[in-house]
């Protein structure tokens, strides 16, 4: 059973896509060409953000965000077990430890009510790990409960990185992911 007719969708935009591809081929600026700046500007405007940095993948975006926080060995990052492997993978790639918090059975997003147990647990301290941040994952076009997660993060001085790869543009309290 075909869920989406990609051929019909492509037919509607084919002429425009091919024209833009020819434009890039003609000027030869394959990396950081004018189309990249244009896309970043459009995405920033669409999401209501001041800036946007495009990446080759959501994995690269998460990796860059964690690198900006100097995440490495001895650090622990809370995330969801119900996600694409890249969310936990980037944490491990930097030498840090992913800490999985159970999901809400109705939304399948990280359950904010489960966060406190992580901070009260002695097991991370015994392993010499310090929780530095939280990466909630927005699933199926539905953002995580950022109000509760942000309140929790502020209480413990943690950063929050929104993994919105599976819900880009979804709205939470009037703001787009």
C-alpha atoms as a PDB file:
ATOM      1  CA  UNK A   1       0.000   0.000   0.000  1.00  0.00           C
ATOM      2  CA  UNK A   2       1.412   3.337  -1.046  1.00  0.00           C
ATOM      3  CA  UNK A   3       1.033   5.976   1.669  1.00  0.00           C
ATOM      4  CA  UNK A   4       2.456   8.922  -0.237  1.00  0.00           C
ATOM      5  CA  UNK A   5       2.588   9.297  -3.999  1.00  0.00           C
ATOM      6  CA  UNK A   6       6.110  10.689  -4.265  1.00  0.00           C
ATOM      7  CA  UNK A   7       5.994  10.632  -8.054  1.00  0.00           C
ATOM      8  CA  UNK A   8       2.958  12.940  -8.131  1.00  0.00           C
ATOM      9  CA  UNK A   9       4.496  15.178  -5.495  1.00  0.00           C
ATOM     10  CA  UNK A  10       7.765  15.372  -7.427  1.00  0.00           C
ATOM     11  CA  UNK A  11       5.920  16.174 -10.667  1.00  0.00           C
ATOM     12  CA  UNK A  12       4.432  19.302  -9.059  1.00  0.00           C
ATOM     13  CA  UNK A  13       7.828  20.679  -8.049  1.00  0.00           C
ATOM     14  CA  UNK A  14      10.159  19.072 -10.588  1.00  0.00           C
ATOM     15  CA  UNK A  15      10.610  22.120 -12.812  1.00  0.00           C
ATOM     16  CA  UNK A  16      11.529  24.368  -9.887  1.00  0.00           C
ATOM     17  CA  UNK A  17      13.876  21.785  -8.354  1.00  0.00           C
ATOM     18  CA  UNK A  18      15.684  21.198 -11.635  1.00  0.00           C
ATOM     19  CA  UNK A  19      16.059  24.955 -12.226  1.00  0.00           C
ATOM     20  CA  UNK A  20      17.580  25.404  -8.753  1.00  0.00           C
ATOM     21  CA  UNK A  21      19.906  22.441  -9.293  1.00  0.00           C
ATOM     22  CA  UNK A  22      21.075  23.917 -12.615  1.00  0.00           C
ATOM     23  CA  UNK A  23      21.702  27.208 -10.834  1.00  0.00           C
ATOM     24  CA  UNK A  24      24.007  25.504  -8.315  1.00  0.00           C
ATOM     25  CA  UNK A  25      25.770  23.533 -11.045  1.00  0.00           C
ATOM     26  CA  UNK A  26      26.294  26.740 -13.027  1.00  0.00           C
ATOM     27  CA  UNK A  27      27.877  28.756 -10.217  1.00  0.00           C
ATOM     28  CA  UNK A  28      29.730  25.771  -8.699  1.00  0.00           C
ATOM     29  CA  UNK A  29      29.510  26.892  -5.047  1.00  0.00           C
ATOM     30  CA  UNK A  30      28.454  23.497  -3.704  1.00  0.00           C
ATOM     31  CA  UNK A  31      29.421  24.294  -0.123  1.00  0.00           C
ATOM     32  CA  UNK A  32      28.070  27.426   1.570  1.00  0.00           C
ATOM     33  CA  UNK A  33      26.712  28.795  -1.699  1.00  0.00           C
ATOM     34  CA  UNK A  34      23.996  31.459  -1.806  1.00  0.00           C
ATOM     35  CA  UNK A  35      21.262  28.827  -1.629  1.00  0.00           C
ATOM     36  CA  UNK A  36      22.493  27.748   1.808  1.00  0.00           C
ATOM     37  CA  UNK A  37      22.207  31.288   3.192  1.00  0.00           C
ATOM     38  CA  UNK A  38      18.796  31.608   1.556  1.00  0.00           C
ATOM     39  CA  UNK A  39      17.591  28.330   3.096  1.00  0.00           C
ATOM     40  CA  UNK A  40      18.921  29.240   6.542  1.00  0.00           C
ATOM     41  CA  UNK A  41      17.179  32.613   6.349  1.00  0.00           C
ATOM     42  CA  UNK A  42      13.898  31.006   5.332  1.00  0.00           C
ATOM     43  CA  UNK A  43      14.126  28.374   8.078  1.00  0.00           C
ATOM     44  CA  UNK A  44      14.958  30.984  10.725  1.00  0.00           C
ATOM     45  CA  UNK A  45      11.973  33.047   9.591  1.00  0.00           C
ATOM     46  CA  UNK A  46       9.659  30.032   9.508  1.00  0.00           C
ATOM     47  CA  UNK A  47      10.573  28.976  13.040  1.00  0.00           C
ATOM     48  CA  UNK A  48      10.701  32.529  14.405  1.00  0.00           C
ATOM     49  CA  UNK A  49      14.362  32.237  15.364  1.00  0.00           C
ATOM     50  CA  UNK A  50      17.102  34.803  14.979  1.00  0.00           C
ATOM     51  CA  UNK A  51      19.588  32.361  13.442  1.00  0.00           C
ATOM     52  CA  UNK A  52      19.708  29.002  11.695  1.00  0.00           C
ATOM     53  CA  UNK A  53      22.700  26.798  10.903  1.00  0.00           C
ATOM     54  CA  UNK A  54      21.982  24.064   8.396  1.00  0.00           C
ATOM     55  CA  UNK A  55      23.711  20.708   8.720  1.00  0.00           C
ATOM     56  CA  UNK A  56      24.106  17.628   6.570  1.00  0.00           C
ATOM     57  CA  UNK A  57      21.922  15.651   8.992  1.00  0.00           C
ATOM     58  CA  UNK A  58      20.112  15.747  12.297  1.00  0.00           C
ATOM     59  CA  UNK A  59      22.981  13.676  13.668  1.00  0.00           C
ATOM     60  CA  UNK A  60      25.454  16.428  12.763  1.00  0.00           C
ATOM     61  CA  UNK A  61      23.161  19.047  14.301  1.00  0.00           C
ATOM     62  CA  UNK A  62      23.008  17.192  17.619  1.00  0.00           C
ATOM     63  CA  UNK A  63      26.752  16.590  17.569  1.00  0.00           C
ATOM     64  CA  UNK A  64      27.475  20.286  16.985  1.00  0.00           C
ATOM     65  CA  UNK A  65      25.103  21.328  19.758  1.00  0.00           C
ATOM     66  CA  UNK A  66      26.748  18.968  22.246  1.00  0.00           C
ATOM     67  CA  UNK A  67      30.213  20.088  21.155  1.00  0.00           C
ATOM     68  CA  UNK A  68      29.176  23.691  21.838  1.00  0.00           C
ATOM     69  CA  UNK A  69      28.598  22.627  25.460  1.00  0.00           C
ATOM     70  CA  UNK A  70      32.009  20.876  25.576  1.00  0.00           C
ATOM     71  CA  UNK A  71      30.433  17.507  26.333  1.00  0.00           C
ATOM     72  CA  UNK A  72      32.870  14.662  26.891  1.00  0.00           C
ATOM     73  CA  UNK A  73      33.983  11.866  29.222  1.00  0.00           C
ATOM     74  CA  UNK A  74      32.454  12.082  32.685  1.00  0.00           C
ATOM     75  CA  UNK A  75      29.339  13.830  31.390  1.00  0.00           C
ATOM     76  CA  UNK A  76      25.891  12.255  31.301  1.00  0.00           C
ATOM     77  CA  UNK A  77      23.077  13.419  29.032  1.00  0.00           C
ATOM     78  CA  UNK A  78      19.459  12.466  29.677  1.00  0.00           C
ATOM     79  CA  UNK A  79      17.481  11.411  26.620  1.00  0.00           C
ATOM     80  CA  UNK A  80      14.681   9.165  25.436  1.00  0.00           C
ATOM     81  CA  UNK A  81      15.116   5.470  24.621  1.00  0.00           C
ATOM     82  CA  UNK A  82      12.366   5.772  21.995  1.00  0.00           C
ATOM     83  CA  UNK A  83      14.142   7.539  19.153  1.00  0.00           C
ATOM     84  CA  UNK A  84      16.466   7.089  16.215  1.00  0.00           C
ATOM     85  CA  UNK A  85      19.870   5.806  17.331  1.00  0.00           C
ATOM     86  CA  UNK A  86      21.611   9.095  16.449  1.00  0.00           C
ATOM     87  CA  UNK A  87      20.324  10.803  19.595  1.00  0.00           C
ATOM     88  CA  UNK A  88      22.229   8.445  21.887  1.00  0.00           C
ATOM     89  CA  UNK A  89      25.020   7.859  19.385  1.00  0.00           C
ATOM     90  CA  UNK A  90      26.243  11.468  19.376  1.00  0.00           C
ATOM     91  CA  UNK A  91      26.413  11.459  23.167  1.00  0.00           C
ATOM     92  CA  UNK A  92      28.589   8.340  23.073  1.00  0.00           C
ATOM     93  CA  UNK A  93      30.728   9.629  20.194  1.00  0.00           C
ATOM     94  CA  UNK A  94      31.862  12.472  22.447  1.00  0.00           C
ATOM     95  CA  UNK A  95      32.742  10.049  25.248  1.00  0.00           C
ATOM     96  CA  UNK A  96      29.747  10.995  27.374  1.00  0.00           C
ATOM     97  CA  UNK A  97      27.093   8.608  28.674  1.00  0.00           C
ATOM     98  CA  UNK A  98      23.461   8.560  27.530  1.00  0.00           C
ATOM     99  CA  UNK A  99      20.999   8.161  30.398  1.00  0.00           C
ATOM    100  CA  UNK A 100      17.613   6.921  29.279  1.00  0.00           C
ATOM    101  CA  UNK A 101      14.444   8.173  30.923  1.00  0.00           C
ATOM    102  CA  UNK A 102      11.203   6.345  30.242  1.00  0.00           C
ATOM    103  CA  UNK A 103       8.590   7.685  27.863  1.00  0.00           C
ATOM    104  CA  UNK A 104       5.048   8.852  28.418  1.00  0.00           C
ATOM    105  CA  UNK A 105       2.811   5.955  27.249  1.00  0.00           C
ATOM    106  CA  UNK A 106       0.383   8.353  25.551  1.00  0.00           C
ATOM    107  CA  UNK A 107       2.775  10.640  23.663  1.00  0.00           C
ATOM    108  CA  UNK A 108       5.852   8.388  23.408  1.00  0.00           C
ATOM    109  CA  UNK A 109       7.926  11.461  24.273  1.00  0.00           C
ATOM    110  CA  UNK A 110      10.280  11.653  27.247  1.00  0.00           C
ATOM    111  CA  UNK A 111       8.226  11.619  30.468  1.00  0.00           C
ATOM    112  CA  UNK A 112       9.185  14.699  32.532  1.00  0.00           C
ATOM    113  CA  UNK A 113       7.841  12.975  35.647  1.00  0.00           C
ATOM    114  CA  UNK A 114      10.680  10.447  35.403  1.00  0.00           C
ATOM    115  CA  UNK A 115      13.500  13.025  35.408  1.00  0.00           C
ATOM    116  CA  UNK A 116      13.739  13.544  39.157  1.00  0.00           C
ATOM    117  CA  UNK A 117      14.645   9.889  39.735  1.00  0.00           C
ATOM    118  CA  UNK A 118      17.771  10.316  37.606  1.00  0.00           C
ATOM    119  CA  UNK A 119      19.035  13.228  39.669  1.00  0.00           C
ATOM    120  CA  UNK A 120      18.308  11.431  42.954  1.00  0.00           C
ATOM    121  CA  UNK A 121      20.058   8.243  41.862  1.00  0.00           C
ATOM    122  CA  UNK A 122      23.479   7.494  43.317  1.00  0.00           C
ATOM    123  CA  UNK A 123      24.437   5.214  40.424  1.00  0.00           C
ATOM    124  CA  UNK A 124      25.657   8.046  38.177  1.00  0.00           C
ATOM    125  CA  UNK A 125      27.723   9.665  40.934  1.00  0.00           C
ATOM    126  CA  UNK A 126      29.260   6.286  41.802  1.00  0.00           C
ATOM    127  CA  UNK A 127      30.366   6.004  38.179  1.00  0.00           C
ATOM    128  CA  UNK A 128      31.846   9.507  38.301  1.00  0.00           C
ATOM    129  CA  UNK A 129      29.237  10.935  35.949  1.00  0.00           C
ATOM    130  CA  UNK A 130      27.714  14.402  36.082  1.00  0.00           C
ATOM    131  CA  UNK A 131      24.388  15.074  34.369  1.00  0.00           C
ATOM    132  CA  UNK A 132      24.907  18.135  32.163  1.00  0.00           C
ATOM    133  CA  UNK A 133      21.862  18.257  29.912  1.00  0.00           C
ATOM    134  CA  UNK A 134      18.688  16.807  28.469  1.00  0.00           C
ATOM    135  CA  UNK A 135      17.862  15.953  24.861  1.00  0.00           C
ATOM    136  CA  UNK A 136      14.107  15.400  24.617  1.00  0.00           C
ATOM    137  CA  UNK A 137      12.949  13.975  21.289  1.00  0.00           C
ATOM    138  CA  UNK A 138       9.873  15.309  19.518  1.00  0.00           C
ATOM    139  CA  UNK A 139       8.060  12.378  17.909  1.00  0.00           C
ATOM    140  CA  UNK A 140       5.385  11.978  15.268  1.00  0.00           C
ATOM    141  CA  UNK A 141       5.021  15.740  14.813  1.00  0.00           C
ATOM    142  CA  UNK A 142       4.423  16.212  18.524  1.00  0.00           C
ATOM    143  CA  UNK A 143       6.813  18.282  20.669  1.00  0.00           C
ATOM    144  CA  UNK A 144       7.901  17.080  24.091  1.00  0.00           C
ATOM    145  CA  UNK A 145       6.600  18.820  27.228  1.00  0.00           C
ATOM    146  CA  UNK A 146       9.182  21.604  27.212  1.00  0.00           C
ATOM    147  CA  UNK A 147       7.554  23.607  30.000  1.00  0.00           C
ATOM    148  CA  UNK A 148       8.105  20.822  32.533  1.00  0.00           C
ATOM    149  CA  UNK A 149      11.444  19.786  31.061  1.00  0.00           C
ATOM    150  CA  UNK A 150      12.749  23.374  31.073  1.00  0.00           C
ATOM    151  CA  UNK A 151      11.622  23.943  34.664  1.00  0.00           C
ATOM    152  CA  UNK A 152      13.440  20.778  35.694  1.00  0.00           C
ATOM    153  CA  UNK A 153      16.555  21.783  33.746  1.00  0.00           C
ATOM    154  CA  UNK A 154      16.630  25.224  35.396  1.00  0.00           C
ATOM    155  CA  UNK A 155      16.293  23.643  38.818  1.00  0.00           C
ATOM    156  CA  UNK A 156      19.450  21.579  38.229  1.00  0.00           C
ATOM    157  CA  UNK A 157      21.385  23.944  35.940  1.00  0.00           C
ATOM    158  CA  UNK A 158      21.074  21.686  32.893  1.00  0.00           C
ATOM    159  CA  UNK A 159      20.884  22.666  29.239  1.00  0.00           C
ATOM    160  CA  UNK A 160      18.118  21.416  26.937  1.00  0.00           C
ATOM    161  CA  UNK A 161      18.702  20.549  23.270  1.00  0.00           C
ATOM    162  CA  UNK A 162      15.510  19.952  21.312  1.00  0.00           C
ATOM    163  CA  UNK A 163      15.768  16.996  18.919  1.00  0.00           C
ATOM    164  CA  UNK A 164      13.029  18.065  16.529  1.00  0.00           C
ATOM    165  CA  UNK A 165      14.096  15.995  13.519  1.00  0.00           C
ATOM    166  CA  UNK A 166      10.797  14.092  13.610  1.00  0.00           C
ATOM    167  CA  UNK A 167       8.612  17.123  14.288  1.00  0.00           C
ATOM    168  CA  UNK A 168      10.153  20.057  12.428  1.00  0.00           C
ATOM    169  CA  UNK A 169       7.765  22.991  12.441  1.00  0.00           C
ATOM    170  CA  UNK A 170       5.470  21.494  15.070  1.00  0.00           C
ATOM    171  CA  UNK A 171       4.150  24.099  17.490  1.00  0.00           C
ATOM    172  CA  UNK A 172       4.469  24.117  21.252  1.00  0.00           C
ATOM    173  CA  UNK A 173       2.838  27.017  23.077  1.00  0.00           C
ATOM    174  CA  UNK A 174       2.964  29.201  19.978  1.00  0.00           C
ATOM    175  CA  UNK A 175       6.599  28.502  19.059  1.00  0.00           C
ATOM    176  CA  UNK A 176       7.717  26.278  16.184  1.00  0.00           C
ATOM    177  CA  UNK A 177      10.334  23.595  16.655  1.00  0.00           C
END
